[in-house]
Amino acid sequence: MKLINLARDTLLKPLQAVSGIVERRNTLPILSNVLLELDGDRLSLLATDLEIQVTTSVRVESRTKSASQGVTVSARKLLDILRALPDSAQLDLETRDGRLYLAAGKSRFSLQTLPAEDFPRLAPFESAQPAITLSQGALRGLLNRVQYAMAQQDIRYYLNGLLLETDDTALKAVATDGHRLAFASLTLEQSLEKRESILPRKAVLELSRQLEAGESPVAIEFGNNQVRLRFGDIELISKVIDGRFPDYTRVIPTHYQDHFQIERTVLAGALQRAAILSNEKFRGVRWVLTANSLRVVCTNTEQEEAEEELEIDYAGAALDIGFNVTYLLDALNNVECDAIVCSMGDANSSVLITHSEDPSFRYVVMPMRI
């Protein structure tokens, strides 16, 4: 049965959109596949890992007028084939005898398939509050300002994700791994009831990859145990992490008296250079603060030392405090601003890093002994 004829890029783009969540190794072989469903002149593609589900569709020229039909095929193999074909290739797809046959020019491919009816899907989404609509660029920026602080495979499973919170006209994003915490928020054009959902790490990283930087809209809907995002031709549904996120308001300092402002790129450059000679395991860096001076010092087990001295406007108490240099660079490399403000307590207190012009961003890093 002949299915469709279409240009290579017509299939490649939606396949790239859904295949990012497909794991290479699965206990269920069908989860390595993508579901292709043809209904009239719409070809839909769906992939899932049982926690996240991504769906998209594209208009095609169908060679058959029969009822909706579907097949599942290896997402990775189909993607690799399409990438290897010439940009101008025209594809013929046909299913027969449990296989998907793909022809492009003089190239022929025969791929094993599994039945579409065996492909798992997440439970139908049920919205618990009105959809939030904002630009993809705004949401992408919000996620990028905090996502690097998410934990990885922490036994406290609720830290392996990002908190999205609606509170009146604010959409807040918070991430922490117990050693540092990043907070950002943006103002919505609508008012919503207070609600918290913890998006899993994989869903956050996939959204950061998929969302565009422009003004194209994205709609977010919160369900009882799912979140749905729709943008362009893509629908992403993710289960949320069932757990209680820590009270982040207790972690963010509000009483610090000593501050200094510094150009973000200047501080990042000094930290990157000094970190070359940091201990590879602990990645420690010392900040030695005196009047109008910040010395950045790194040492390692070979007794090597790097020191950078920066002139700053600082009149607070002298301070010698250590941090994980990677944690500091993560924030500096993901916040788009010319200058940052660092607020200090004492040698046993965290540092609060804020945006010089946007108070909605706050980043807290706990000190470390060096």
Protein backbone atom coordinates (compact mmCIF):
# COMPACT_ATOMS: atom_id res chain seq x y z
CA MET A 1 0.00 0.00 0.00
CA LYS A 2 1.52 3.29 -1.10
CA LEU A 3 1.34 5.89 1.65
CA ILE A 4 2.85 9.25 0.76
CA ASN A 5 5.27 11.18 -1.37
CA LEU A 6 6.97 14.17 0.21
CA ALA A 7 10.13 16.25 0.28
CA ARG A 8 12.89 15.13 2.62
CA ASP A 9 12.77 18.34 4.70
CA THR A 10 9.00 18.08 5.09
CA LEU A 11 9.52 14.91 7.13
CA LEU A 12 12.88 15.76 8.68
CA LYS A 13 11.77 18.87 10.58
CA PRO A 14 8.82 17.29 12.46
CA LEU A 15 10.86 14.14 13.10
CA GLN A 16 13.58 16.24 14.72
CA ALA A 17 10.91 17.95 16.82
CA VAL A 18 9.64 14.70 18.39
CA SER A 19 12.72 12.46 18.44
CA GLY A 20 14.64 14.47 21.05
CA ILE A 21 12.91 12.64 23.92
CA VAL A 22 13.44 9.15 22.46
CA GLU A 23 15.93 7.13 24.49
CA ARG A 24 18.48 4.97 22.68
CA ARG A 25 17.96 2.08 25.09
CA ASN A 26 14.54 1.14 26.41
CA THR A 27 13.10 -1.77 28.32
CA LEU A 28 10.16 -1.52 25.90
CA PRO A 29 11.50 -1.70 22.32
CA ILE A 30 8.53 0.25 20.96
CA LEU A 31 9.60 3.32 22.96
CA SER A 32 12.59 3.64 20.62
CA ASN A 33 10.10 4.15 17.80
CA VAL A 34 8.15 7.13 16.52
CA LEU A 35 4.48 6.74 15.67
CA LEU A 36 3.57 7.88 12.14
CA GLU A 37 -0.15 8.30 11.56
CA LEU A 38 -1.72 9.34 8.26
CA ASP A 39 -5.23 10.78 8.32
CA GLY A 40 -6.26 12.26 4.99
CA ASP A 41 -3.52 14.71 4.04
CA ARG A 42 -2.16 15.14 7.60
CA LEU A 43 0.79 13.08 8.78
CA SER A 44 1.21 13.21 12.55
CA LEU A 45 4.31 12.11 14.43
CA LEU A 46 4.32 11.14 18.10
CA ALA A 47 7.10 10.07 20.47
CA THR A 48 7.03 9.30 24.19
CA ASP A 49 9.18 7.95 27.01
CA LEU A 50 6.08 7.40 29.21
CA GLU A 51 6.87 10.63 31.12
CA ILE A 52 6.89 13.11 28.22
CA GLN A 53 4.93 13.00 24.96
CA VAL A 54 5.65 15.19 21.94
CA THR A 55 3.30 15.39 18.97
CA THR A 56 3.44 17.35 15.74
CA SER A 57 1.91 17.10 12.28
CA VAL A 58 2.59 18.16 8.71
CA ARG A 59 0.52 18.37 5.53
CA VAL A 60 1.48 15.83 2.86
CA GLU A 61 0.33 14.46 -0.50
CA SER A 62 -1.40 11.21 0.26
CA ARG A 63 -1.56 8.44 -2.34
CA THR A 64 -4.34 6.66 -0.49
CA LYS A 65 -7.87 7.69 0.49
CA SER A 66 -8.37 4.95 3.06
CA ALA A 67 -9.13 5.50 6.75
CA SER A 68 -6.54 6.66 9.23
CA GLN A 69 -3.56 4.34 9.32
CA GLY A 70 -0.39 4.24 11.36
CA VAL A 71 2.92 2.51 11.89
CA THR A 72 5.85 2.82 14.31
CA VAL A 73 9.47 2.79 13.18
CA SER A 74 12.85 3.41 14.79
CA ALA A 75 13.13 7.15 15.35
CA ARG A 76 16.92 7.16 15.37
CA LYS A 77 17.34 5.11 12.19
CA LEU A 78 14.76 7.10 10.26
CA LEU A 79 16.34 10.35 11.43
CA ASP A 80 19.84 9.22 10.43
CA ILE A 81 18.60 8.17 6.99
CA LEU A 82 16.89 11.50 6.34
CA ARG A 83 19.95 13.45 7.46
CA ALA A 84 22.16 11.42 5.13
CA LEU A 85 19.96 12.03 2.07
CA PRO A 86 20.44 15.09 -0.18
CA ASP A 87 18.49 18.20 0.83
CA SER A 88 16.49 18.08 -2.39
CA ALA A 89 15.49 14.40 -2.07
CA GLN A 90 11.89 13.36 -2.70
CA LEU A 91 10.67 10.47 -0.58
CA ASP A 92 8.21 7.68 -1.25
CA LEU A 93 6.97 5.89 1.87
CA GLU A 94 5.17 2.57 1.75
CA THR A 95 4.19 0.00 4.40
CA ARG A 96 4.06 -3.65 3.50
CA ASP A 97 4.49 -6.95 5.33
CA GLY A 98 5.43 -5.35 8.64
CA ARG A 99 8.06 -3.06 7.15
CA LEU A 100 8.37 0.57 6.12
CA TYR A 101 9.94 1.01 2.70
CA LEU A 102 11.54 4.35 1.95
CA ALA A 103 12.71 5.28 -1.55
CA ALA A 104 14.62 8.43 -2.51
CA GLY A 105 16.10 8.61 -5.99
CA LYS A 106 18.16 5.43 -6.33
CA SER A 107 18.35 4.87 -2.57
CA ARG A 108 16.17 2.18 -1.01
CA PHE A 109 15.64 1.42 2.69
CA SER A 110 13.61 -1.28 4.42
CA LEU A 111 12.88 -0.67 8.11
CA GLN A 112 11.31 -2.99 10.66
CA THR A 113 8.07 -1.71 12.19
CA LEU A 114 5.88 -2.43 15.19
CA PRO A 115 2.06 -2.10 15.23
CA ALA A 116 0.67 1.39 15.82
CA GLU A 117 -2.01 0.00 18.15
CA ASP A 118 0.73 -1.17 20.57
CA PHE A 119 2.26 2.30 20.90
CA PRO A 120 1.74 3.72 24.43
CA ARG A 121 0.31 7.18 25.01
CA LEU A 122 0.01 9.38 28.08
CA ALA A 123 -3.42 9.72 29.65
CA PRO A 124 -5.60 12.36 27.95
CA PHE A 125 -4.78 15.84 29.24
CA GLU A 126 -7.33 17.51 31.51
CA SER A 127 -6.75 21.19 32.17
CA ALA A 128 -7.14 22.49 35.74
CA GLN A 129 -6.99 26.23 34.95
CA PRO A 130 -7.05 28.59 31.95
CA ALA A 131 -4.13 28.47 29.54
CA ILE A 132 -1.28 30.95 29.90
CA THR A 133 -0.24 32.55 26.64
CA LEU A 134 3.12 34.29 26.24
CA SER A 135 5.90 34.52 23.69
CA GLN A 136 8.22 31.58 23.13
CA GLY A 137 11.19 33.90 23.63
CA ALA A 138 9.94 35.00 27.05
CA LEU A 139 9.39 31.44 28.26
CA ARG A 140 12.67 30.24 26.82
CA GLY A 141 14.50 33.08 28.56
CA LEU A 142 12.76 32.30 31.85
CA LEU A 143 13.78 28.63 31.71
CA ASN A 144 17.34 29.38 30.64
CA ARG A 145 17.88 31.75 33.56
CA VAL A 146 17.31 28.96 36.09
CA GLN A 147 17.50 25.49 34.50
CA TYR A 148 21.26 25.02 35.06
CA ALA A 149 20.61 24.87 38.85
CA MET A 150 18.46 21.71 38.62
CA ALA A 151 19.79 18.63 40.38
CA GLN A 152 20.86 15.54 38.45
CA GLN A 153 19.77 12.14 39.79
CA ASP A 154 19.38 13.44 43.35
CA ILE A 155 17.75 11.08 45.83
CA ARG A 156 15.48 14.03 46.63
CA TYR A 157 13.59 13.44 43.39
CA TYR A 158 11.68 16.74 43.62
CA LEU A 159 14.98 18.58 43.03
CA ASN A 160 15.50 16.83 39.67
CA GLY A 161 13.28 19.34 37.96
CA LEU A 162 12.15 22.94 37.81
CA LEU A 163 9.33 24.55 39.76
CA LEU A 164 6.85 26.54 37.67
CA GLU A 165 4.58 28.62 39.85
CA THR A 166 1.68 30.88 38.93
CA ASP A 167 0.83 33.59 41.43
CA ASP A 168 -1.63 36.28 40.37
CA THR A 169 0.04 37.90 37.32
CA ALA A 170 3.47 36.31 37.84
CA LEU A 171 4.95 33.16 36.32
CA LYS A 172 7.89 32.08 38.46
CA ALA A 173 10.60 29.51 37.77
CA VAL A 174 12.85 28.07 40.49
CA ALA A 175 15.57 25.42 40.42
CA THR A 176 17.92 24.17 43.13
CA ASP A 177 20.26 21.26 43.76
CA GLY A 178 20.72 22.02 47.45
CA HIS A 179 24.01 23.90 46.89
CA ARG A 180 22.67 26.81 44.84
CA LEU A 181 19.25 28.19 43.89
CA ALA A 182 18.11 30.18 40.85
CA PHE A 183 14.89 32.19 40.76
CA ALA A 184 13.35 34.17 37.91
CA SER A 185 9.89 35.50 37.14
CA LEU A 186 7.98 37.37 34.47
CA THR A 187 4.73 39.30 34.43
CA LEU A 188 1.72 37.88 32.60
CA GLU A 189 -1.14 39.77 30.98
CA GLN A 190 -3.64 37.66 32.93
CA SER A 191 -4.31 36.86 36.57
CA LEU A 192 -4.19 33.24 37.74
CA GLU A 193 -4.68 31.40 41.00
CA LYS A 194 -1.59 30.25 42.89
CA ARG A 195 -0.41 26.88 41.58
CA GLU A 196 2.85 24.92 41.67
CA SER A 197 4.07 22.22 39.27
CA ILE A 198 7.52 20.61 39.13
CA LEU A 199 8.58 19.92 35.53
CA PRO A 200 11.07 17.04 35.19
CA ARG A 201 14.59 17.90 34.08
CA LYS A 202 14.23 16.18 30.71
CA ALA A 203 11.10 18.16 29.83
CA VAL A 204 12.81 21.45 30.75
CA LEU A 205 15.86 20.69 28.61
CA GLU A 206 13.63 19.64 25.70
CA LEU A 207 11.68 22.90 25.92
CA SER A 208 14.89 24.93 26.01
CA ARG A 209 15.90 23.14 22.80
CA GLN A 210 12.55 23.50 21.03
CA LEU A 211 11.33 26.98 21.94
CA GLU A 212 12.25 29.79 19.56
CA ALA A 213 13.73 33.12 20.61
CA GLY A 214 11.09 35.28 18.94
CA GLU A 215 7.57 36.49 19.62
CA SER A 216 5.72 33.40 18.39
CA PRO A 217 3.16 32.37 21.04
CA VAL A 218 3.24 29.39 23.39
CA ALA A 219 0.28 28.24 25.49
CA ILE A 220 0.85 26.56 28.86
CA GLU A 221 -1.85 24.57 30.63
CA PHE A 222 -1.55 23.00 34.07
CA GLY A 223 -3.41 19.77 34.78
CA ASN A 224 -3.66 17.76 37.98
CA ASN A 225 -0.51 15.73 37.25
CA GLN A 226 0.50 16.97 33.81
CA VAL A 227 1.56 20.16 32.05
CA ARG A 228 0.79 20.78 28.38
CA LEU A 229 2.60 23.26 26.14
CA ARG A 230 1.55 24.06 22.58
CA PHE A 231 3.67 26.14 20.22
CA GLY A 232 3.81 26.17 16.45
CA ASP A 233 2.74 22.71 15.29
CA ILE A 234 4.13 21.06 18.42
CA GLU A 235 2.31 19.78 21.49
CA LEU A 236 4.39 18.67 24.48
CA ILE A 237 2.74 16.98 27.44
CA SER A 238 4.80 16.13 30.50
CA LYS A 239 3.99 14.43 33.75
CA VAL A 240 4.93 16.55 36.76
CA ILE A 241 7.07 15.37 39.65
CA ASP A 242 4.93 14.38 42.60
CA GLY A 243 6.64 16.03 45.56
CA ARG A 244 6.90 19.13 47.68
CA PHE A 245 9.40 21.67 46.40
CA PRO A 246 11.43 23.40 49.16
CA ASP A 247 10.30 26.83 50.35
CA TYR A 248 12.66 28.89 48.22
CA THR A 249 11.65 32.16 49.89
CA ARG A 250 13.54 31.07 53.03
CA VAL A 251 16.75 30.55 51.04
CA ILE A 252 16.93 33.93 49.28
CA PRO A 253 18.63 36.49 51.58
CA THR A 254 16.89 39.81 52.13
CA HIS A 255 19.04 41.47 54.79
CA TYR A 256 22.57 41.68 53.31
CA GLN A 257 24.25 45.05 53.78
CA ASP A 258 27.46 44.68 51.72
CA HIS A 259 27.20 44.88 47.93
CA PHE A 260 29.29 45.48 44.86
CA GLN A 261 28.43 45.80 41.18
CA ILE A 262 30.66 44.42 38.44
CA GLU A 263 30.50 43.83 34.72
CA ARG A 264 29.29 40.30 34.12
CA THR A 265 31.82 39.49 31.39
CA VAL A 266 34.72 40.90 33.42
CA LEU A 267 33.93 38.67 36.40
CA ALA A 268 33.24 35.65 34.18
CA GLY A 269 36.58 36.10 32.41
CA ALA A 270 38.49 36.32 35.70
CA LEU A 271 36.77 33.21 37.05
CA GLN A 272 37.40 31.22 33.86
CA ARG A 273 41.10 32.05 33.89
CA ALA A 274 41.57 31.34 37.59
CA ALA A 275 39.60 28.08 37.36
CA ILE A 276 42.28 26.62 35.08
CA LEU A 277 44.33 26.00 38.22
CA SER A 278 41.47 25.01 40.50
CA ASN A 279 41.21 21.60 42.14
CA GLU A 280 39.61 19.41 39.46
CA LYS A 281 37.47 17.54 41.99
CA PHE A 282 36.19 20.36 44.20
CA ARG A 283 36.45 23.31 41.78
CA GLY A 284 36.90 25.79 44.62
CA VAL A 285 37.57 29.52 44.21
CA ARG A 286 38.23 32.10 46.91
CA TRP A 287 36.86 35.61 46.85
CA VAL A 288 39.02 37.92 48.96
CA LEU A 289 37.20 41.21 49.42
CA THR A 290 38.84 44.34 50.77
CA ALA A 291 38.12 48.04 50.18
CA ASN A 292 37.49 48.54 46.44
CA SER A 293 39.17 45.22 45.57
CA LEU A 294 38.11 41.68 44.72
CA ARG A 295 40.84 39.05 44.46
CA VAL A 296 39.86 35.78 42.80
CA VAL A 297 42.18 32.95 43.91
CA CYS A 298 42.36 29.29 42.86
CA THR A 299 44.84 26.62 44.00
CA ASN A 300 45.23 22.90 43.38
CA THR A 301 46.93 19.85 44.88
CA GLU A 302 50.12 20.56 42.88
CA GLN A 303 50.56 23.79 44.89
CA GLU A 304 49.83 25.85 41.78
CA GLU A 305 47.96 29.12 42.16
CA ALA A 306 46.07 31.58 39.99
CA GLU A 307 45.07 35.05 41.15
CA GLU A 308 43.03 37.78 39.47
CA GLU A 309 42.52 41.20 41.05
CA LEU A 310 39.52 43.31 40.04
CA GLU A 311 38.76 46.90 41.00
CA ILE A 312 35.25 47.26 42.40
CA ASP A 313 33.25 49.86 44.30
CA TYR A 314 33.14 48.10 47.68
CA ALA A 315 33.17 49.62 51.15
CA GLY A 316 31.91 46.64 53.16
CA ALA A 317 33.69 44.42 55.65
CA ALA A 318 36.81 42.50 54.59
CA LEU A 319 35.83 38.99 53.60
CA ASP A 320 37.51 35.73 52.53
CA ILE A 321 34.95 33.24 51.26
CA GLY A 322 35.02 30.16 49.03
CA PHE A 323 32.62 28.96 46.33
CA ASN A 324 32.33 26.30 43.66
CA VAL A 325 33.55 28.20 40.60
CA THR A 326 31.32 26.17 38.25
CA TYR A 327 28.23 27.34 40.13
CA LEU A 328 29.26 30.97 39.71
CA LEU A 329 30.04 30.60 36.00
CA ASP A 330 26.73 28.82 35.34
CA ALA A 331 24.82 31.92 36.35
CA LEU A 332 27.13 34.41 34.64
CA ASN A 333 26.94 32.49 31.37
CA ASN A 334 23.13 32.24 31.38
CA VAL A 335 22.03 35.70 32.48
CA GLU A 336 21.80 38.30 29.73
CA CYS A 337 22.86 41.59 31.30
CA ASP A 338 25.82 43.97 31.30
CA ALA A 339 26.35 44.04 35.05
CA ILE A 340 25.48 41.98 38.11
CA VAL A 341 25.23 42.87 41.79
CA CYS A 342 26.79 40.60 44.41
CA SER A 343 25.44 40.88 47.95
CA MET A 344 27.40 39.37 50.85
CA GLY A 345 26.85 38.37 54.46
CA ASP A 346 29.80 36.82 56.30
CA ALA A 347 32.29 34.04 55.48
CA ASN A 348 29.69 31.39 56.39
CA SER A 349 26.83 32.91 54.41
CA SER A 350 25.72 32.46 50.82
CA VAL A 351 26.26 35.06 48.09
CA LEU A 352 23.24 36.61 46.40
CA ILE A 353 23.74 37.47 42.72
CA THR A 354 21.14 39.71 41.10
CA HIS A 355 20.58 41.41 37.76
CA SER A 356 21.58 45.08 37.92
CA GLU A 357 18.41 46.17 36.10
CA ASP A 358 15.96 43.29 36.64
CA PRO A 359 15.08 42.43 40.26
CA SER A 360 13.10 39.39 39.11
CA PHE A 361 16.32 37.34 38.86
CA ARG A 362 18.03 36.05 41.99
CA TYR A 363 20.77 33.45 42.32
CA VAL A 364 22.03 32.11 45.65
CA VAL A 365 25.27 30.10 46.03
CA MET A 366 26.22 28.46 49.30
CA PRO A 367 29.84 28.89 50.46
CA MET A 368 32.36 26.05 50.59
CA ARG A 369 35.42 25.46 52.75
CA ILE A 370 38.71 25.76 50.85
